[in-house]
PDB file of all heavy atoms in Angstrom:
ATOM      1  N   ALA A   1      17.073  -6.930  22.689  1.00  0.00           N
ATOM      2  CA  ALA A   1      15.808  -7.618  22.410  1.00  0.00           C
ATOM      3  C   ALA A   1      14.651  -6.627  22.299  1.00  0.00           C
ATOM      4  O   ALA A   1      13.795  -6.735  21.410  1.00  0.00           O
ATOM      5  CB  ALA A   1      15.516  -8.647  23.501  1.00  0.00           C
ATOM      6  N   LEU A   2      14.646  -5.653  23.205  1.00  0.00           N
ATOM      7  CA  LEU A   2      13.592  -4.635  23.174  1.00  0.00           C
ATOM      8  C   LEU A   2      13.702  -3.794  21.906  1.00  0.00           C
ATOM      9  O   LEU A   2      12.684  -3.449  21.288  1.00  0.00           O
ATOM     10  CB  LEU A   2      13.671  -3.749  24.407  1.00  0.00           C
ATOM     11  CG  LEU A   2      12.645  -2.607  24.488  1.00  0.00           C
ATOM     12  CD1 LEU A   2      11.225  -3.154  24.432  1.00  0.00           C
ATOM     13  CD2 LEU A   2      12.862  -1.762  25.737  1.00  0.00           C
ATOM     14  N   LYS A   3      14.924  -3.458  21.527  1.00  0.00           N
ATOM     15  CA  LYS A   3      15.111  -2.662  20.315  1.00  0.00           C
ATOM     16  C   LYS A   3      14.591  -3.402  19.089  1.00  0.00           C
ATOM     17  O   LYS A   3      13.911  -2.815  18.229  1.00  0.00           O
ATOM     18  CB  LYS A   3      16.586  -2.307  20.148  1.00  0.00           C
ATOM     19  CG  LYS A   3      17.099  -1.283  21.151  1.00  0.00           C
ATOM     20  CD  LYS A   3      18.561  -0.941  20.907  1.00  0.00           C
ATOM     21  CE  LYS A   3      19.043   0.128  21.884  1.00  0.00           C
ATOM     22  NZ  LYS A   3      20.446   0.511  21.657  1.00  0.00           N
ATOM     23  N   LYS A   4      14.894  -4.691  18.990  1.00  0.00           N
ATOM     24  CA  LYS A   4      14.427  -5.481  17.846  1.00  0.00           C
ATOM     25  C   LYS A   4      12.905  -5.595  17.839  1.00  0.00           C
ATOM     26  O   LYS A   4      12.269  -5.504  16.793  1.00  0.00           O
ATOM     27  CB  LYS A   4      15.062  -6.872  17.889  1.00  0.00           C
ATOM     28  CG  LYS A   4      16.544  -6.894  17.562  1.00  0.00           C
ATOM     29  CD  LYS A   4      17.098  -8.315  17.612  1.00  0.00           C
ATOM     30  CE  LYS A   4      18.577  -8.343  17.243  1.00  0.00           C
ATOM     31  NZ  LYS A   4      19.120  -9.715  17.281  1.00  0.00           N
ATOM     32  N   GLU A   5      12.334  -5.794  19.021  1.00  0.00           N
ATOM     33  CA  GLU A   5      10.870  -5.885  19.113  1.00  0.00           C
ATOM     34  C   GLU A   5      10.225  -4.550  18.748  1.00  0.00           C
ATOM     35  O   GLU A   5       9.180  -4.515  18.073  1.00  0.00           O
ATOM     36  CB  GLU A   5      10.466  -6.278  20.529  1.00  0.00           C
ATOM     37  CG  GLU A   5       8.951  -6.425  20.710  1.00  0.00           C
ATOM     38  CD  GLU A   5       8.576  -6.767  22.133  1.00  0.00           C
ATOM     39  OE1 GLU A   5       8.420  -5.829  22.954  1.00  0.00           O
ATOM     40  OE2 GLU A   5       8.438  -7.971  22.415  1.00  0.00           O
ATOM     41  N   THR A   6      10.842  -3.452  19.169  1.00  0.00           N
ATOM     42  CA  THR A   6      10.305  -2.123  18.864  1.00  0.00           C
ATOM     43  C   THR A   6      10.309  -1.869  17.359  1.00  0.00           C
ATOM     44  O   THR A   6       9.343  -1.318  16.801  1.00  0.00           O
ATOM     45  CB  THR A   6      11.111  -1.044  19.598  1.00  0.00           C
ATOM     46  OG1 THR A   6      11.062  -1.298  21.005  1.00  0.00           O
ATOM     47  CG2 THR A   6      10.563   0.339  19.308  1.00  0.00           C
ATOM     48  N   LEU A   7      11.392  -2.266  16.688  1.00  0.00           N
ATOM     49  CA  LEU A   7      11.436  -2.128  15.229  1.00  0.00           C
ATOM     50  C   LEU A   7      10.321  -2.946  14.575  1.00  0.00           C
ATOM     51  O   LEU A   7       9.694  -2.504  13.605  1.00  0.00           O
ATOM     52  CB  LEU A   7      12.797  -2.559  14.692  1.00  0.00           C
ATOM     53  CG  LEU A   7      13.949  -1.570  14.940  1.00  0.00           C
ATOM     54  CD1 LEU A   7      15.274  -2.204  14.551  1.00  0.00           C
ATOM     55  CD2 LEU A   7      13.740  -0.270  14.155  1.00  0.00           C
ATOM     56  N   ALA A   8      10.058  -4.130  15.119  1.00  0.00           N
ATOM     57  CA  ALA A   8       8.968  -4.963  14.589  1.00  0.00           C
ATOM     58  C   ALA A   8       7.612  -4.302  14.832  1.00  0.00           C
ATOM     59  O   ALA A   8       6.720  -4.332  13.973  1.00  0.00           O
ATOM     60  CB  ALA A   8       9.005  -6.350  15.243  1.00  0.00           C
ATOM     61  N   ASN A   9       7.456  -3.699  16.008  1.00  0.00           N
ATOM     62  CA  ASN A   9       6.205  -2.988  16.307  1.00  0.00           C
ATOM     63  C   ASN A   9       5.977  -1.851  15.313  1.00  0.00           C
ATOM     64  O   ASN A   9       4.862  -1.636  14.826  1.00  0.00           O
ATOM     65  CB  ASN A   9       6.247  -2.414  17.725  1.00  0.00           C
ATOM     66  CG  ASN A   9       6.168  -3.477  18.804  1.00  0.00           C
ATOM     67  OD1 ASN A   9       5.849  -4.633  18.518  1.00  0.00           O
ATOM     68  ND2 ASN A   9       6.487  -3.098  20.026  1.00  0.00           N
ATOM     69  N   ILE A  10       7.045  -1.111  15.000  1.00  0.00           N
ATOM     70  CA  ILE A  10       6.928   0.014  14.070  1.00  0.00           C
ATOM     71  C   ILE A  10       6.653  -0.474  12.656  1.00  0.00           C
ATOM     72  O   ILE A  10       5.878   0.141  11.911  1.00  0.00           O
ATOM     73  CB  ILE A  10       8.187   0.897  14.142  1.00  0.00           C
ATOM     74  CG1 ILE A  10       8.305   1.534  15.536  1.00  0.00           C
ATOM     75  CG2 ILE A  10       8.148   1.997  13.072  1.00  0.00           C
ATOM     76  CD1 ILE A  10       9.602   2.277  15.786  1.00  0.00           C
ATOM     77  N   GLU A  11       7.244  -1.598  12.281  1.00  0.00           N
ATOM     78  CA  GLU A  11       6.945  -2.184  10.970  1.00  0.00           C
ATOM     79  C   GLU A  11       5.472  -2.574  10.877  1.00  0.00           C
ATOM     80  O   GLU A  11       4.832  -2.395   9.829  1.00  0.00           O
ATOM     81  CB  GLU A  11       7.827  -3.413  10.728  1.00  0.00           C
ATOM     82  CG  GLU A  11       9.273  -3.083  10.388  1.00  0.00           C
ATOM     83  CD  GLU A  11      10.097  -4.325  10.114  1.00  0.00           C
ATOM     84  OE1 GLU A  11       9.541  -5.452  10.161  1.00  0.00           O
ATOM     85  OE2 GLU A  11      11.315  -4.185   9.841  1.00  0.00           O
ATOM     86  N   PHE A  12       4.919  -3.080  11.972  1.00  0.00           N
ATOM     87  CA  PHE A  12       3.496  -3.447  11.974  1.00  0.00           C
ATOM     88  C   PHE A  12       2.617  -2.201  11.881  1.00  0.00           C
ATOM     89  O   PHE A  12       1.598  -2.200  11.176  1.00  0.00           O
ATOM     90  CB  PHE A  12       3.145  -4.250  13.227  1.00  0.00           C
ATOM     91  CG  PHE A  12       1.708  -4.695  13.264  1.00  0.00           C
ATOM     92  CD1 PHE A  12       1.244  -5.651  12.366  1.00  0.00           C
ATOM     93  CD2 PHE A  12       0.820  -4.128  14.158  1.00  0.00           C
ATOM     94  CE1 PHE A  12      -0.094  -6.038  12.375  1.00  0.00           C
ATOM     95  CE2 PHE A  12      -0.520  -4.514  14.178  1.00  0.00           C
ATOM     96  CZ  PHE A  12      -0.969  -5.471  13.284  1.00  0.00           C
ATOM     97  N   ILE A  13       3.002  -1.151  12.575  1.00  0.00           N
ATOM     98  CA  ILE A  13       2.271   0.123  12.469  1.00  0.00           C
ATOM     99  C   ILE A  13       2.247   0.595  11.017  1.00  0.00           C
ATOM    100  O   ILE A  13       1.211   1.022  10.495  1.00  0.00           O
ATOM    101  CB  ILE A  13       2.923   1.199  13.367  1.00  0.00           C
ATOM    102  CG1 ILE A  13       2.748   0.855  14.837  1.00  0.00           C
ATOM    103  CG2 ILE A  13       2.331   2.582  13.068  1.00  0.00           C
ATOM    104  CD1 ILE A  13       3.580   1.718  15.773  1.00  0.00           C
ATOM    105  N   ASP A  14       3.393   0.505  10.367  1.00  0.00           N
ATOM    106  CA  ASP A  14       3.485   0.941   8.966  1.00  0.00           C
ATOM    107  C   ASP A  14       2.578   0.109   8.067  1.00  0.00           C
ATOM    108  O   ASP A  14       1.884   0.640   7.195  1.00  0.00           O
ATOM    109  CB  ASP A  14       4.941   0.847   8.497  1.00  0.00           C
ATOM    110  CG  ASP A  14       5.149   1.423   7.105  1.00  0.00           C
ATOM    111  OD1 ASP A  14       4.467   2.409   6.760  1.00  0.00           O
ATOM    112  OD2 ASP A  14       5.987   0.890   6.363  1.00  0.00           O
ATOM    113  N   ALA A  15       2.569  -1.210   8.277  1.00  0.00           N
ATOM    114  CA  ALA A  15       1.721  -2.082   7.455  1.00  0.00           C
ATOM    115  C   ALA A  15       0.237  -1.822   7.689  1.00  0.00           C
ATOM    116  O   ALA A  15      -0.562  -1.811   6.752  1.00  0.00           O
ATOM    117  CB  ALA A  15       2.048  -3.546   7.758  1.00  0.00           C
ATOM    118  N   LEU A  16      -0.128  -1.577   8.948  1.00  0.00           N
ATOM    119  CA  LEU A  16      -1.541  -1.409   9.300  1.00  0.00           C
ATOM    120  C   LEU A  16      -2.051   0.006   9.039  1.00  0.00           C
ATOM    121  O   LEU A  16      -3.139   0.190   8.468  1.00  0.00           O
ATOM    122  CB  LEU A  16      -1.749  -1.759  10.778  1.00  0.00           C
ATOM    123  CG  LEU A  16      -3.172  -1.630  11.320  1.00  0.00           C
ATOM    124  CD1 LEU A  16      -4.102  -2.638  10.647  1.00  0.00           C
ATOM    125  CD2 LEU A  16      -3.190  -1.824  12.836  1.00  0.00           C
ATOM    126  N   LEU A  17      -1.258   0.999   9.409  1.00  0.00           N
ATOM    127  CA  LEU A  17      -1.731   2.390   9.374  1.00  0.00           C
ATOM    128  C   LEU A  17      -1.032   3.256   8.333  1.00  0.00           C
ATOM    129  O   LEU A  17      -1.476   4.356   8.042  1.00  0.00           O
ATOM    130  CB  LEU A  17      -1.573   3.028  10.753  1.00  0.00           C
ATOM    131  CG  LEU A  17      -2.297   2.306  11.904  1.00  0.00           C
ATOM    132  CD1 LEU A  17      -2.035   3.011  13.213  1.00  0.00           C
ATOM    133  CD2 LEU A  17      -3.789   2.196  11.623  1.00  0.00           C
ATOM    134  N   GLY A  18       0.096   2.765   7.799  1.00  0.00           N
ATOM    135  CA  GLY A  18       0.734   3.472   6.695  1.00  0.00           C
ATOM    136  C   GLY A  18       1.651   4.607   7.098  1.00  0.00           C
ATOM    137  O   GLY A  18       1.890   5.512   6.296  1.00  0.00           O
ATOM    138  N   PHE A  19       2.176   4.581   8.324  1.00  0.00           N
ATOM    139  CA  PHE A  19       3.188   5.563   8.695  1.00  0.00           C
ATOM    140  C   PHE A  19       4.228   4.898   9.602  1.00  0.00           C
ATOM    141  O   PHE A  19       3.977   3.857  10.198  1.00  0.00           O
ATOM    142  CB  PHE A  19       2.577   6.792   9.379  1.00  0.00           C
ATOM    143  CG  PHE A  19       1.772   6.495  10.621  1.00  0.00           C
ATOM    144  CD1 PHE A  19       2.393   6.313  11.851  1.00  0.00           C
ATOM    145  CD2 PHE A  19       0.399   6.414  10.574  1.00  0.00           C
ATOM    146  CE1 PHE A  19       1.671   6.039  13.000  1.00  0.00           C
ATOM    147  CE2 PHE A  19      -0.352   6.143  11.717  1.00  0.00           C
ATOM    148  CZ  PHE A  19       0.290   5.957  12.935  1.00  0.00           C
ATOM    149  N   GLY A  20       5.406   5.525   9.647  1.00  0.00           N
ATOM    150  CA  GLY A  20       6.492   4.969  10.447  1.00  0.00           C
ATOM    151  C   GLY A  20       7.524   4.219   9.623  1.00  0.00           C
ATOM    152  O   GLY A  20       8.493   3.693  10.170  1.00  0.00           O
ATOM    153  N   GLY A  21       7.352   4.184   8.311  1.00  0.00           N
ATOM    154  CA  GLY A  21       8.220   3.382   7.456  1.00  0.00           C
ATOM    155  C   GLY A  21       9.465   4.083   6.948  1.00  0.00           C
ATOM    156  O   GLY A  21      10.338   3.438   6.352  1.00  0.00           O
ATOM    157  N   LYS A  22       9.575   5.389   7.171  1.00  0.00           N
ATOM    158  CA  LYS A  22      10.737   6.115   6.659  1.00  0.00           C
ATOM    159  C   LYS A  22      11.975   5.843   7.524  1.00  0.00           C
ATOM    160  O   LYS A  22      11.870   5.492   8.696  1.00  0.00           O
ATOM    161  CB  LYS A  22      10.468   7.620   6.642  1.00  0.00           C
ATOM    162  CG  LYS A  22       9.424   8.097   5.651  1.00  0.00           C
ATOM    163  CD  LYS A  22       9.323   9.612   5.714  1.00  0.00           C
ATOM    164  CE  LYS A  22       8.194  10.155   4.849  1.00  0.00           C
ATOM    165  NZ  LYS A  22       8.418   9.928   3.425  1.00  0.00           N
ATOM    166  N   GLU A  23      13.148   6.049   6.919  1.00  0.00           N
ATOM    167  CA  GLU A  23      14.387   6.053   7.691  1.00  0.00           C
ATOM    168  C   GLU A  23      14.316   7.276   8.595  1.00  0.00           C
ATOM    169  O   GLU A  23      14.007   8.373   8.136  1.00  0.00           O
ATOM    170  CB  GLU A  23      15.581   6.131   6.721  1.00  0.00           C
ATOM    171  CG  GLU A  23      16.932   5.880   7.373  1.00  0.00           C
ATOM    172  CD  GLU A  23      17.456   7.113   8.075  1.00  0.00           C
ATOM    173  OE1 GLU A  23      17.283   8.235   7.529  1.00  0.00           O
ATOM    174  OE2 GLU A  23      18.025   6.951   9.168  1.00  0.00           O
ATOM    175  N   PRO A  24      14.572   7.115   9.909  1.00  0.00           N
ATOM    176  CA  PRO A  24      14.270   8.206  10.842  1.00  0.00           C
ATOM    177  C   PRO A  24      15.017   9.506  10.590  1.00  0.00           C
ATOM    178  O   PRO A  24      14.433  10.588  10.754  1.00  0.00           O
ATOM    179  CB  PRO A  24      14.619   7.604  12.213  1.00  0.00           C
ATOM    180  CG  PRO A  24      15.455   6.411  11.938  1.00  0.00           C
ATOM    181  CD  PRO A  24      15.015   5.896  10.606  1.00  0.00           C
ATOM    182  N   PHE A  25      16.291   9.444  10.200  1.00  0.00           N
ATOM    183  CA  PHE A  25      16.998  10.697   9.968  1.00  0.00           C
ATOM    184  C   PHE A  25      16.439  11.430   8.741  1.00  0.00           C
ATOM    185  O   PHE A  25      16.317  12.650   8.744  1.00  0.00           O
ATOM    186  CB  PHE A  25      18.505  10.445   9.821  1.00  0.00           C
ATOM    187  CG  PHE A  25      19.216  10.394  11.139  1.00  0.00           C
ATOM    188  CD1 PHE A  25      19.392   9.188  11.799  1.00  0.00           C
ATOM    189  CD2 PHE A  25      19.670  11.551  11.745  1.00  0.00           C
ATOM    190  CE1 PHE A  25      20.026   9.138  13.030  1.00  0.00           C
ATOM    191  CE2 PHE A  25      20.316  11.516  12.983  1.00  0.00           C
ATOM    192  CZ  PHE A  25      20.493  10.302  13.629  1.00  0.00           C
ATOM    193  N   SER A  26      16.072  10.680   7.712  1.00  0.00           N
ATOM    194  CA  SER A  26      15.493  11.328   6.530  1.00  0.00           C
ATOM    195  C   SER A  26      14.137  11.938   6.863  1.00  0.00           C
ATOM    196  O   SER A  26      13.759  12.976   6.313  1.00  0.00           O
ATOM    197  CB  SER A  26      15.363  10.330   5.370  1.00  0.00           C
ATOM    198  OG  SER A  26      14.450   9.293   5.693  1.00  0.00           O
ATOM    199  N   TYR A  27      13.401  11.300   7.795  1.00  0.00           N
ATOM    200  CA  TYR A  27      12.129  11.871   8.225  1.00  0.00           C
ATOM    201  C   TYR A  27      12.340  13.261   8.825  1.00  0.00           C
ATOM    202  O   TYR A  27      11.587  14.206   8.551  1.00  0.00           O
ATOM    203  CB  TYR A  27      11.446  10.967   9.248  1.00  0.00           C
ATOM    204  CG  TYR A  27      10.246  11.605   9.917  1.00  0.00           C
ATOM    205  CD1 TYR A  27       9.003  11.612   9.288  1.00  0.00           C
ATOM    206  CD2 TYR A  27      10.366  12.229  11.160  1.00  0.00           C
ATOM    207  CE1 TYR A  27       7.899  12.225   9.893  1.00  0.00           C
ATOM    208  CE2 TYR A  27       9.273  12.844  11.764  1.00  0.00           C
ATOM    209  CZ  TYR A  27       8.051  12.835  11.125  1.00  0.00           C
ATOM    210  OH  TYR A  27       6.964  13.445  11.713  1.00  0.00           O
ATOM    211  N   PHE A  28      13.386  13.395   9.645  1.00  0.00           N
ATOM    212  CA  PHE A  28      13.620  14.678  10.302  1.00  0.00           C
ATOM    213  C   PHE A  28      14.315  15.683   9.391  1.00  0.00           C
ATOM    214  O   PHE A  28      14.644  16.790   9.816  1.00  0.00           O
ATOM    215  CB  PHE A  28      14.415  14.474  11.596  1.00  0.00           C
ATOM    216  CG  PHE A  28      13.584  13.859  12.694  1.00  0.00           C
ATOM    217  CD1 PHE A  28      13.784  12.539  13.077  1.00  0.00           C
ATOM    218  CD2 PHE A  28      12.578  14.582  13.304  1.00  0.00           C
ATOM    219  CE1 PHE A  28      13.012  11.966  14.071  1.00  0.00           C
ATOM    220  CE2 PHE A  28      11.795  14.017  14.298  1.00  0.00           C
ATOM    221  CZ  PHE A  28      12.008  12.704  14.690  1.00  0.00           C
TER     222      PHE A  28
END
């Protein structure tokens, strides 16, 4: 449940601030 909520939090960050939307391994 926490993992799903965290993904939703990151999606909201991406929509609001424009970062966090990449696939994490490709980011690194």
